[in-house]
Protein backbone atom coordinates (compact mmCIF):
# COMPACT_ATOMS: atom_id res chain seq x y z
CA MET A 1 -43.24 47.91 -45.91
CA LYS A 2 -42.34 48.45 -49.57
CA THR A 3 -38.72 47.62 -48.84
CA VAL A 4 -39.65 44.35 -47.16
CA GLU A 5 -42.07 43.44 -49.95
CA ALA A 6 -39.29 44.10 -52.49
CA ILE A 7 -37.29 41.28 -50.90
CA GLY A 8 -39.96 38.96 -52.31
CA LYS A 9 -39.70 36.14 -49.77
CA PRO A 10 -42.10 35.06 -47.00
CA GLU A 11 -39.09 34.94 -44.65
CA PHE A 12 -36.29 37.48 -44.51
CA THR A 13 -33.52 38.63 -42.22
CA LEU A 14 -32.58 42.01 -40.89
CA ASP A 15 -29.49 41.82 -43.11
CA ASP A 16 -31.79 41.47 -46.15
CA VAL A 17 -33.41 44.77 -45.22
CA TYR A 18 -30.08 46.41 -44.38
CA ALA A 19 -28.92 45.52 -47.90
CA ARG A 20 -31.58 47.97 -49.13
CA GLU A 21 -30.50 50.73 -46.74
CA ALA A 22 -28.92 53.03 -49.37
CA PRO A 23 -32.16 53.94 -51.19
CA LEU A 24 -33.85 54.68 -47.86
CA ALA A 25 -30.92 56.86 -46.77
CA ALA A 26 -31.16 58.74 -50.07
CA LEU A 27 -34.91 59.16 -49.66
CA TYR A 28 -34.48 60.55 -46.11
CA PRO A 29 -31.14 62.40 -46.13
CA ALA A 30 -31.76 64.11 -42.76
CA ASN A 31 -32.13 60.74 -41.01
CA TYR A 32 -28.72 59.72 -39.69
CA ASN A 33 -30.14 56.63 -37.98
CA VAL A 34 -31.58 54.69 -40.89
CA ARG A 35 -30.82 51.26 -39.40
CA ALA A 36 -32.47 52.18 -36.11
CA LYS A 37 -35.53 53.42 -38.04
CA ILE A 38 -35.63 50.17 -40.02
CA ARG A 39 -35.68 48.16 -36.78
CA GLN A 40 -38.32 50.46 -35.30
CA GLN A 41 -40.61 50.13 -38.31
CA LEU A 42 -40.19 46.34 -38.36
CA GLN A 43 -41.31 46.32 -34.72
CA VAL A 44 -44.35 48.43 -35.60
CA LEU A 45 -45.26 46.11 -38.47
CA ARG A 46 -44.75 43.10 -36.19
CA ASP A 47 -47.03 44.64 -33.56
CA GLN A 48 -49.67 45.29 -36.24
CA GLY A 49 -49.57 41.62 -37.21
CA TRP A 50 -47.86 41.88 -40.61
CA TRP A 51 -44.69 40.00 -39.61
CA ALA A 52 -43.59 37.62 -36.89
CA PHE A 53 -40.16 37.95 -35.34
CA ASP A 54 -38.52 34.54 -34.99
CA GLY A 55 -35.40 35.76 -33.20
CA ARG A 56 -31.83 36.39 -34.32
CA GLY A 57 -32.94 38.94 -36.92
CA THR A 58 -35.33 36.62 -38.77
CA TYR A 59 -38.85 37.64 -39.73
CA ARG A 60 -41.65 35.82 -41.52
CA ARG A 61 -45.03 36.73 -42.96
CA VAL A 62 -47.93 35.91 -40.65
């Protein structure tokens, strides 16, 4: 959530989040699937009502 909030826009793309992958990889060095975890957490946040998925890797604040 902090990574998405750091983007600072009400709409963002998956590529925007991937651009911030390096700090997450450094924070969790044993996780070799950082991009998959990013997608998973975005799905969790979507299901909790924080974000809406508009398709083609685009998300927006609900």
